[in-house]
Amino acid sequence: MSTMQYDVKSTHRDESGVMVPYRVRLKGAVIQPQTGAEATSTFVDNTSIAGTYARSTTTATITAVNHELDVGDRVYLDWNLADGPYTVLTVADANTFTVAVADSGGSTGAVIVYNFVLFEIDTDIQVVTNVVIPGEGILARVGIRVFLASNCRASIFYG
């Protein structure tokens, strides 16, 4: 016989930032675009690694100690190129990986790597989107941080 979880809580944000600052399971989310513009909202584990990058044309090589990433993983990069989620193209070692980028912007610089993307959602119309996460939810080991487009709001359910 299954039992219902009674300790589910919720929180809301109108801008990017920490939603929950401790270990928790993400159960669901509601994304509310304020305009019809295309936008991506990314929910990550609230842990990050400071690193550096070097860009050569359309490839950025990121050095971040013990990044724990594999080829094909999604990673959120906060840097002076285009902030956002990227797919890991190659992994040279435990400290170095590459992603595809636009052929513009700085050739070197600092980067903050959020290496545990919980989920992403794309919206392109002004319609509220509900996300239900099955099972026990997605474990966020250090809490939940959201990166919202400037035209979005988000509520999450966690427990």
N, C-alpha and C. Protein backbone atom coordinates (compact mmCIF):
# COMPACT_ATOMS: atom_id res chain seq x y z
N MET A 1 0.84 -1.18 0.00
CA MET A 1 0.00 0.00 0.00
C MET A 1 0.88 1.24 0.00
N SER A 2 0.61 2.15 -0.91
CA SER A 2 1.42 3.37 -0.96
C SER A 2 0.87 4.42 0.00
N THR A 3 1.76 5.28 0.44
CA THR A 3 1.35 6.36 1.33
C THR A 3 1.62 7.68 0.65
N MET A 4 0.84 8.66 1.01
CA MET A 4 0.98 9.99 0.43
C MET A 4 1.98 10.80 1.26
N GLN A 5 2.82 11.57 0.58
CA GLN A 5 3.75 12.43 1.29
C GLN A 5 3.00 13.70 1.69
N TYR A 6 3.06 14.01 2.99
CA TYR A 6 2.30 15.16 3.51
C TYR A 6 3.17 16.38 3.77
N ASP A 7 4.48 16.25 3.63
CA ASP A 7 5.36 17.37 3.95
C ASP A 7 5.85 18.13 2.71
N VAL A 8 5.09 18.13 1.64
CA VAL A 8 5.46 18.87 0.43
C VAL A 8 5.23 20.36 0.69
N LYS A 9 6.22 21.15 0.32
CA LYS A 9 6.16 22.60 0.50
C LYS A 9 6.28 23.27 -0.87
N SER A 10 6.10 24.58 -0.90
CA SER A 10 6.26 25.32 -2.16
C SER A 10 6.94 26.65 -1.89
N THR A 11 7.53 27.19 -2.95
CA THR A 11 8.12 28.53 -2.90
C THR A 11 8.05 29.12 -4.29
N HIS A 12 8.23 30.43 -4.39
CA HIS A 12 8.04 31.15 -5.65
C HIS A 12 9.18 32.15 -5.84
N ARG A 13 9.58 32.37 -7.10
CA ARG A 13 10.58 33.40 -7.43
C ARG A 13 10.16 34.13 -8.69
N ASP A 14 10.43 35.43 -8.70
CA ASP A 14 10.20 36.28 -9.87
C ASP A 14 11.50 36.55 -10.63
N GLU A 15 12.61 36.06 -10.11
CA GLU A 15 13.91 36.26 -10.75
C GLU A 15 14.82 35.10 -10.37
N SER A 16 15.95 34.98 -11.05
CA SER A 16 16.89 33.90 -10.77
C SER A 16 17.41 33.96 -9.35
N GLY A 17 17.69 32.79 -8.77
CA GLY A 17 18.26 32.75 -7.43
C GLY A 17 17.95 31.44 -6.73
N VAL A 18 18.34 31.36 -5.47
CA VAL A 18 18.14 30.16 -4.66
C VAL A 18 16.68 30.07 -4.25
N MET A 19 16.09 28.90 -4.49
CA MET A 19 14.70 28.66 -4.09
C MET A 19 14.65 27.91 -2.76
N VAL A 20 15.54 26.94 -2.59
CA VAL A 20 15.62 26.16 -1.35
C VAL A 20 17.11 25.96 -1.05
N PRO A 21 17.58 26.32 0.16
CA PRO A 21 19.02 26.28 0.44
C PRO A 21 19.52 25.01 1.13
N TYR A 22 18.79 23.92 1.05
CA TYR A 22 19.21 22.69 1.73
C TYR A 22 18.78 21.47 0.91
N ARG A 23 19.30 20.29 1.28
CA ARG A 23 19.02 19.03 0.59
C ARG A 23 17.51 18.78 0.57
N VAL A 24 17.00 18.46 -0.62
CA VAL A 24 15.56 18.31 -0.78
C VAL A 24 15.28 17.58 -2.09
N ARG A 25 14.08 17.10 -2.26
CA ARG A 25 13.66 16.50 -3.53
C ARG A 25 12.68 17.44 -4.23
N LEU A 26 13.00 17.74 -5.49
CA LEU A 26 12.14 18.58 -6.31
C LEU A 26 11.00 17.72 -6.82
N LYS A 27 9.77 18.11 -6.54
CA LYS A 27 8.58 17.33 -6.89
C LYS A 27 7.85 17.85 -8.12
N GLY A 28 7.93 19.15 -8.35
CA GLY A 28 7.22 19.73 -9.48
C GLY A 28 7.48 21.21 -9.58
N ALA A 29 7.02 21.81 -10.67
CA ALA A 29 7.23 23.23 -10.89
C ALA A 29 6.11 23.80 -11.74
N VAL A 30 5.91 25.09 -11.60
CA VAL A 30 4.99 25.85 -12.44
C VAL A 30 5.79 27.02 -13.00
N ILE A 31 5.83 27.13 -14.32
CA ILE A 31 6.56 28.21 -14.99
C ILE A 31 5.53 29.13 -15.62
N GLN A 32 5.67 30.43 -15.35
CA GLN A 32 4.70 31.40 -15.86
C GLN A 32 5.42 32.47 -16.67
N PRO A 33 5.46 32.34 -18.00
CA PRO A 33 6.05 33.39 -18.84
C PRO A 33 5.16 34.64 -18.79
N GLN A 34 5.78 35.79 -18.75
CA GLN A 34 5.04 37.05 -18.69
C GLN A 34 4.83 37.66 -20.07
N THR A 35 5.56 37.16 -21.07
CA THR A 35 5.39 37.61 -22.45
C THR A 35 5.43 36.37 -23.33
N GLY A 36 5.22 36.54 -24.60
CA GLY A 36 5.24 35.42 -25.52
C GLY A 36 6.62 35.09 -26.05
N ALA A 37 7.65 35.73 -25.52
CA ALA A 37 9.01 35.49 -26.00
C ALA A 37 9.51 34.11 -25.60
N GLU A 38 10.33 33.52 -26.45
CA GLU A 38 10.93 32.22 -26.15
C GLU A 38 11.89 32.36 -24.98
N ALA A 39 11.85 31.40 -24.04
CA ALA A 39 12.71 31.47 -22.87
C ALA A 39 12.98 30.08 -22.34
N THR A 40 14.16 29.91 -21.72
CA THR A 40 14.51 28.66 -21.06
C THR A 40 14.69 28.94 -19.58
N SER A 41 14.06 28.14 -18.75
CA SER A 41 14.27 28.19 -17.31
C SER A 41 15.00 26.93 -16.92
N THR A 42 16.04 27.07 -16.11
CA THR A 42 16.89 25.95 -15.74
C THR A 42 16.95 25.84 -14.23
N PHE A 43 16.68 24.64 -13.73
CA PHE A 43 16.73 24.36 -12.30
C PHE A 43 17.97 23.51 -12.04
N VAL A 44 18.82 23.94 -11.12
CA VAL A 44 20.08 23.25 -10.85
C VAL A 44 20.21 22.97 -9.35
N ASP A 45 21.07 22.00 -9.04
CA ASP A 45 21.46 21.79 -7.65
C ASP A 45 22.24 23.04 -7.24
N ASN A 46 22.02 23.52 -6.04
CA ASN A 46 22.63 24.78 -5.59
C ASN A 46 24.09 24.57 -5.17
N THR A 47 24.87 23.98 -6.06
CA THR A 47 26.30 23.82 -5.83
C THR A 47 27.01 24.23 -7.11
N SER A 48 28.15 24.87 -6.96
CA SER A 48 28.85 25.35 -8.15
C SER A 48 30.36 25.21 -7.96
N ILE A 49 31.06 25.32 -9.09
CA ILE A 49 32.52 25.26 -9.10
C ILE A 49 33.02 26.48 -9.87
N ALA A 50 33.94 27.21 -9.27
CA ALA A 50 34.56 28.32 -9.98
C ALA A 50 35.62 27.76 -10.91
N GLY A 51 35.68 28.31 -12.11
CA GLY A 51 36.65 27.84 -13.08
C GLY A 51 37.05 28.93 -14.04
N THR A 52 37.73 28.51 -15.10
CA THR A 52 38.14 29.42 -16.16
C THR A 52 37.78 28.80 -17.50
N TYR A 53 37.74 29.64 -18.54
CA TYR A 53 37.48 29.11 -19.88
C TYR A 53 38.43 29.76 -20.87
N ALA A 54 38.64 29.04 -21.97
CA ALA A 54 39.36 29.56 -23.12
C ALA A 54 38.51 29.21 -24.34
N ARG A 55 38.14 30.24 -25.14
CA ARG A 55 37.30 30.01 -26.32
C ARG A 55 38.14 30.11 -27.58
N SER A 56 37.97 29.14 -28.46
CA SER A 56 38.60 29.17 -29.78
C SER A 56 37.47 28.94 -30.78
N THR A 57 37.15 29.94 -31.54
CA THR A 57 36.00 29.96 -32.47
C THR A 57 34.75 29.47 -31.75
N THR A 58 34.22 28.28 -32.10
CA THR A 58 32.94 27.83 -31.55
C THR A 58 33.07 26.77 -30.46
N THR A 59 34.24 26.63 -29.88
CA THR A 59 34.44 25.68 -28.79
C THR A 59 35.04 26.40 -27.59
N ALA A 60 34.44 26.18 -26.42
CA ALA A 60 35.00 26.71 -25.18
C ALA A 60 35.50 25.53 -24.35
N THR A 61 36.73 25.65 -23.89
CA THR A 61 37.32 24.65 -23.00
C THR A 61 37.25 25.21 -21.59
N ILE A 62 36.57 24.47 -20.72
CA ILE A 62 36.37 24.92 -19.34
C ILE A 62 37.24 24.07 -18.41
N THR A 63 37.94 24.75 -17.52
CA THR A 63 38.71 24.08 -16.50
C THR A 63 38.04 24.37 -15.16
N ALA A 64 37.54 23.31 -14.52
CA ALA A 64 36.86 23.40 -13.23
C ALA A 64 37.19 22.12 -12.46
N VAL A 65 37.86 22.25 -11.33
CA VAL A 65 38.36 21.11 -10.58
C VAL A 65 37.24 20.16 -10.16
N ASN A 66 37.43 18.87 -10.48
CA ASN A 66 36.47 17.82 -10.11
C ASN A 66 35.05 18.13 -10.57
N HIS A 67 34.89 18.42 -11.86
CA HIS A 67 33.59 18.84 -12.40
C HIS A 67 32.54 17.72 -12.42
N GLU A 68 32.93 16.46 -12.36
CA GLU A 68 32.01 15.30 -12.29
C GLU A 68 31.09 15.18 -13.51
N LEU A 69 31.49 15.69 -14.66
CA LEU A 69 30.65 15.66 -15.85
C LEU A 69 31.10 14.57 -16.82
N ASP A 70 30.15 14.11 -17.64
CA ASP A 70 30.41 13.15 -18.70
C ASP A 70 29.94 13.74 -20.04
N VAL A 71 30.43 13.21 -21.13
CA VAL A 71 29.99 13.64 -22.45
C VAL A 71 28.47 13.48 -22.54
N GLY A 72 27.81 14.52 -23.03
CA GLY A 72 26.35 14.50 -23.16
C GLY A 72 25.60 15.09 -21.99
N ASP A 73 26.27 15.28 -20.84
CA ASP A 73 25.61 15.90 -19.68
C ASP A 73 25.24 17.34 -19.99
N ARG A 74 24.22 17.83 -19.31
CA ARG A 74 23.87 19.24 -19.39
C ARG A 74 24.52 19.94 -18.20
N VAL A 75 24.99 21.16 -18.43
CA VAL A 75 25.68 21.96 -17.42
C VAL A 75 25.22 23.40 -17.61
N TYR A 76 25.04 24.13 -16.51
CA TYR A 76 24.69 25.54 -16.61
C TYR A 76 25.96 26.35 -16.38
N LEU A 77 26.27 27.26 -17.32
CA LEU A 77 27.46 28.09 -17.21
C LEU A 77 27.08 29.55 -17.03
N ASP A 78 27.63 30.16 -15.99
CA ASP A 78 27.43 31.57 -15.68
C ASP A 78 28.77 32.26 -15.96
N TRP A 79 28.83 33.00 -17.07
CA TRP A 79 30.09 33.57 -17.53
C TRP A 79 29.84 34.79 -18.38
N ASN A 80 30.93 35.37 -18.96
CA ASN A 80 30.72 36.58 -19.77
C ASN A 80 30.42 36.25 -21.23
N LEU A 81 30.25 34.96 -21.57
CA LEU A 81 29.66 34.59 -22.85
C LEU A 81 28.15 34.50 -22.59
N ALA A 82 27.39 33.72 -23.30
CA ALA A 82 25.95 33.64 -23.09
C ALA A 82 25.64 32.68 -21.93
N ASP A 83 25.19 33.23 -20.78
CA ASP A 83 24.80 32.37 -19.65
C ASP A 83 23.73 31.40 -20.11
N GLY A 84 23.79 30.18 -19.61
CA GLY A 84 22.74 29.23 -19.94
C GLY A 84 23.19 27.79 -19.87
N PRO A 85 22.26 26.89 -20.22
CA PRO A 85 22.59 25.47 -20.23
C PRO A 85 23.32 25.09 -21.51
N TYR A 86 24.28 24.20 -21.37
CA TYR A 86 25.08 23.72 -22.50
C TYR A 86 25.20 22.20 -22.38
N THR A 87 25.48 21.55 -23.50
CA THR A 87 25.75 20.12 -23.53
C THR A 87 27.26 19.92 -23.56
N VAL A 88 27.75 19.03 -22.70
CA VAL A 88 29.18 18.72 -22.65
C VAL A 88 29.55 17.94 -23.91
N LEU A 89 30.52 18.45 -24.68
CA LEU A 89 30.95 17.80 -25.92
C LEU A 89 32.04 16.78 -25.68
N THR A 90 33.05 17.17 -24.93
CA THR A 90 34.17 16.27 -24.62
C THR A 90 34.56 16.44 -23.17
N VAL A 91 35.17 15.41 -22.62
CA VAL A 91 35.72 15.47 -21.26
C VAL A 91 37.16 14.97 -21.36
N ALA A 92 38.11 15.88 -21.16
CA ALA A 92 39.53 15.51 -21.25
C ALA A 92 39.99 14.79 -20.00
N ASP A 93 39.52 15.27 -18.85
CA ASP A 93 39.89 14.68 -17.56
C ASP A 93 38.93 15.19 -16.50
N ALA A 94 39.23 14.91 -15.25
CA ALA A 94 38.34 15.30 -14.15
C ALA A 94 38.22 16.80 -13.96
N ASN A 95 39.07 17.57 -14.66
CA ASN A 95 39.09 19.02 -14.46
C ASN A 95 38.79 19.83 -15.73
N THR A 96 38.64 19.16 -16.89
CA THR A 96 38.51 19.89 -18.15
C THR A 96 37.43 19.28 -19.04
N PHE A 97 36.58 20.15 -19.60
CA PHE A 97 35.56 19.70 -20.56
C PHE A 97 35.32 20.81 -21.58
N THR A 98 34.61 20.49 -22.67
CA THR A 98 34.32 21.48 -23.69
C THR A 98 32.83 21.55 -23.97
N VAL A 99 32.40 22.73 -24.47
CA VAL A 99 31.03 22.95 -24.92
C VAL A 99 31.09 23.77 -26.21
N ALA A 100 30.04 23.71 -27.01
CA ALA A 100 29.92 24.52 -28.22
C ALA A 100 29.35 25.89 -27.85
N VAL A 101 29.92 26.93 -28.44
CA VAL A 101 29.49 28.30 -28.18
C VAL A 101 29.45 29.08 -29.49
N ALA A 102 28.87 30.26 -29.43
CA ALA A 102 28.89 31.15 -30.60
C ALA A 102 30.31 31.66 -30.82
N ASP A 103 30.63 31.98 -32.04
CA ASP A 103 31.96 32.48 -32.37
C ASP A 103 32.03 33.99 -32.10
N SER A 104 31.82 34.35 -30.84
CA SER A 104 31.88 35.75 -30.44
C SER A 104 32.07 35.80 -28.92
N GLY A 105 32.43 36.96 -28.43
CA GLY A 105 32.64 37.13 -27.00
C GLY A 105 34.10 36.96 -26.63
N GLY A 106 34.35 37.01 -25.33
CA GLY A 106 35.71 36.94 -24.82
C GLY A 106 36.39 35.62 -25.14
N SER A 107 37.71 35.67 -25.30
CA SER A 107 38.44 34.44 -25.60
C SER A 107 38.89 33.72 -24.33
N THR A 108 38.94 34.41 -23.20
CA THR A 108 39.26 33.79 -21.92
C THR A 108 38.50 34.51 -20.82
N GLY A 109 38.36 33.83 -19.70
CA GLY A 109 37.70 34.47 -18.57
C GLY A 109 37.31 33.50 -17.49
N ALA A 110 36.57 34.02 -16.53
CA ALA A 110 36.10 33.22 -15.40
C ALA A 110 34.72 32.64 -15.72
N VAL A 111 34.41 31.50 -15.10
CA VAL A 111 33.12 30.85 -15.29
C VAL A 111 32.69 30.21 -13.98
N ILE A 112 31.41 30.24 -13.71
CA ILE A 112 30.84 29.49 -12.60
C ILE A 112 30.09 28.32 -13.22
N VAL A 113 30.44 27.11 -12.82
CA VAL A 113 29.89 25.88 -13.38
C VAL A 113 28.88 25.29 -12.40
N TYR A 114 27.63 25.18 -12.83
CA TYR A 114 26.60 24.45 -12.07
C TYR A 114 26.49 23.11 -12.76
N ASN A 115 27.13 22.10 -12.19
CA ASN A 115 27.32 20.83 -12.88
C ASN A 115 26.21 19.82 -12.67
N PHE A 116 25.19 20.14 -11.88
CA PHE A 116 24.08 19.22 -11.69
C PHE A 116 22.78 19.91 -12.08
N VAL A 117 22.44 19.82 -13.38
CA VAL A 117 21.18 20.39 -13.87
C VAL A 117 20.06 19.41 -13.49
N LEU A 118 19.07 19.90 -12.76
CA LEU A 118 17.95 19.06 -12.35
C LEU A 118 16.96 18.90 -13.49
N PHE A 119 16.56 20.02 -14.10
CA PHE A 119 15.75 19.99 -15.32
C PHE A 119 15.68 21.37 -15.94
N GLU A 120 15.31 21.37 -17.21
CA GLU A 120 15.14 22.61 -17.98
C GLU A 120 13.76 22.59 -18.61
N ILE A 121 13.22 23.77 -18.82
CA ILE A 121 11.95 23.85 -19.53
C ILE A 121 11.99 25.06 -20.45
N ASP A 122 11.55 24.86 -21.69
CA ASP A 122 11.48 25.93 -22.67
C ASP A 122 10.03 26.37 -22.81
N THR A 123 9.83 27.67 -22.86
CA THR A 123 8.50 28.22 -23.09
C THR A 123 8.60 29.22 -24.24
N ASP A 124 7.56 29.27 -25.05
CA ASP A 124 7.58 30.24 -26.14
C ASP A 124 6.24 30.94 -26.34
N ILE A 125 5.32 30.68 -25.46
CA ILE A 125 4.04 31.39 -25.50
C ILE A 125 3.67 31.77 -24.07
N GLN A 126 2.78 32.70 -23.93
CA GLN A 126 2.40 33.19 -22.61
C GLN A 126 1.34 32.28 -22.00
N VAL A 127 1.76 31.04 -21.68
CA VAL A 127 0.86 30.05 -21.09
C VAL A 127 1.58 29.42 -19.90
N VAL A 128 0.89 29.28 -18.80
CA VAL A 128 1.46 28.63 -17.62
C VAL A 128 1.74 27.17 -17.93
N THR A 129 2.93 26.69 -17.55
CA THR A 129 3.33 25.30 -17.78
C THR A 129 3.54 24.61 -16.45
N ASN A 130 2.87 23.49 -16.26
CA ASN A 130 3.02 22.69 -15.04
C ASN A 130 3.93 21.51 -15.33
N VAL A 131 4.88 21.25 -14.45
CA VAL A 131 5.78 20.11 -14.57
C VAL A 131 5.58 19.23 -13.34
N VAL A 132 5.19 17.99 -13.56
CA VAL A 132 5.05 17.03 -12.46
C VAL A 132 6.20 16.04 -12.59
N ILE A 133 6.97 15.90 -11.53
CA ILE A 133 8.11 15.00 -11.54
C ILE A 133 7.67 13.70 -10.87
N PRO A 134 7.77 12.58 -11.59
CA PRO A 134 7.25 11.31 -11.06
C PRO A 134 8.11 10.74 -9.94
N GLY A 135 7.56 9.73 -9.30
CA GLY A 135 8.29 9.02 -8.25
C GLY A 135 8.57 9.90 -7.05
N GLU A 136 9.76 9.75 -6.51
CA GLU A 136 10.14 10.49 -5.32
C GLU A 136 10.65 11.90 -5.63
N GLY A 137 10.73 12.25 -6.91
CA GLY A 137 11.24 13.55 -7.28
C GLY A 137 12.72 13.49 -7.60
N ILE A 138 13.30 14.64 -7.91
CA ILE A 138 14.72 14.74 -8.26
C ILE A 138 15.48 15.25 -7.04
N LEU A 139 16.51 14.51 -6.63
CA LEU A 139 17.29 14.90 -5.46
C LEU A 139 18.19 16.09 -5.78
N ALA A 140 18.05 17.14 -5.00
CA ALA A 140 18.96 18.29 -5.04
C ALA A 140 19.80 18.19 -3.77
N ARG A 141 21.07 17.84 -3.93
CA ARG A 141 21.93 17.54 -2.78
C ARG A 141 22.22 18.74 -1.90
N VAL A 142 22.25 19.95 -2.49
CA VAL A 142 22.61 21.14 -1.73
C VAL A 142 21.53 22.23 -1.85
N GLY A 143 20.37 21.88 -2.34
CA GLY A 143 19.31 22.86 -2.50
C GLY A 143 18.99 23.08 -3.97
N ILE A 144 18.06 24.00 -4.23
CA ILE A 144 17.59 24.25 -5.59
C ILE A 144 17.79 25.72 -5.94
N ARG A 145 18.47 25.95 -7.05
CA ARG A 145 18.65 27.29 -7.62
C ARG A 145 17.97 27.29 -8.98
N VAL A 146 17.34 28.40 -9.32
CA VAL A 146 16.70 28.52 -10.63
C VAL A 146 17.32 29.68 -11.40
N PHE A 147 17.50 29.46 -12.69
CA PHE A 147 17.90 30.52 -13.61
C PHE A 147 16.71 30.77 -14.51
N LEU A 148 16.06 31.92 -14.31
CA LEU A 148 14.85 32.27 -15.06
C LEU A 148 15.17 33.31 -16.12
N ALA A 149 14.50 33.18 -17.25
CA ALA A 149 14.55 34.25 -18.24
C ALA A 149 13.92 35.49 -17.62
N SER A 150 14.27 36.65 -18.12
CA SER A 150 13.76 37.90 -17.52
C SER A 150 12.25 38.02 -17.58
N ASN A 151 11.61 37.23 -18.44
CA ASN A 151 10.16 37.33 -18.60
C ASN A 151 9.41 36.18 -17.94
N CYS A 152 10.05 35.44 -17.02
CA CYS A 152 9.40 34.28 -16.39
C CYS A 152 9.35 34.37 -14.88
N ARG A 153 8.40 33.66 -14.32
CA ARG A 153 8.27 33.44 -12.89
C ARG A 153 8.18 31.93 -12.67
N ALA A 154 8.56 31.48 -11.47
CA ALA A 154 8.50 30.04 -11.20
C ALA A 154 8.07 29.76 -9.78
N SER A 155 7.30 28.72 -9.63
CA SER A 155 6.98 28.15 -8.31
C SER A 155 7.43 26.70 -8.35
N ILE A 156 7.93 26.21 -7.23
CA ILE A 156 8.30 24.80 -7.15
C ILE A 156 7.62 24.14 -5.97
N PHE A 157 7.54 22.83 -6.06
CA PHE A 157 7.03 21.99 -4.98
C PHE A 157 8.14 21.04 -4.61
N TYR A 158 8.42 20.93 -3.34
CA TYR A 158 9.57 20.13 -2.88
C TYR A 158 9.25 19.47 -1.54
N GLY A 159 10.02 18.47 -1.21
CA GLY A 159 9.81 17.79 0.07
C GLY A 159 10.90 16.81 0.34
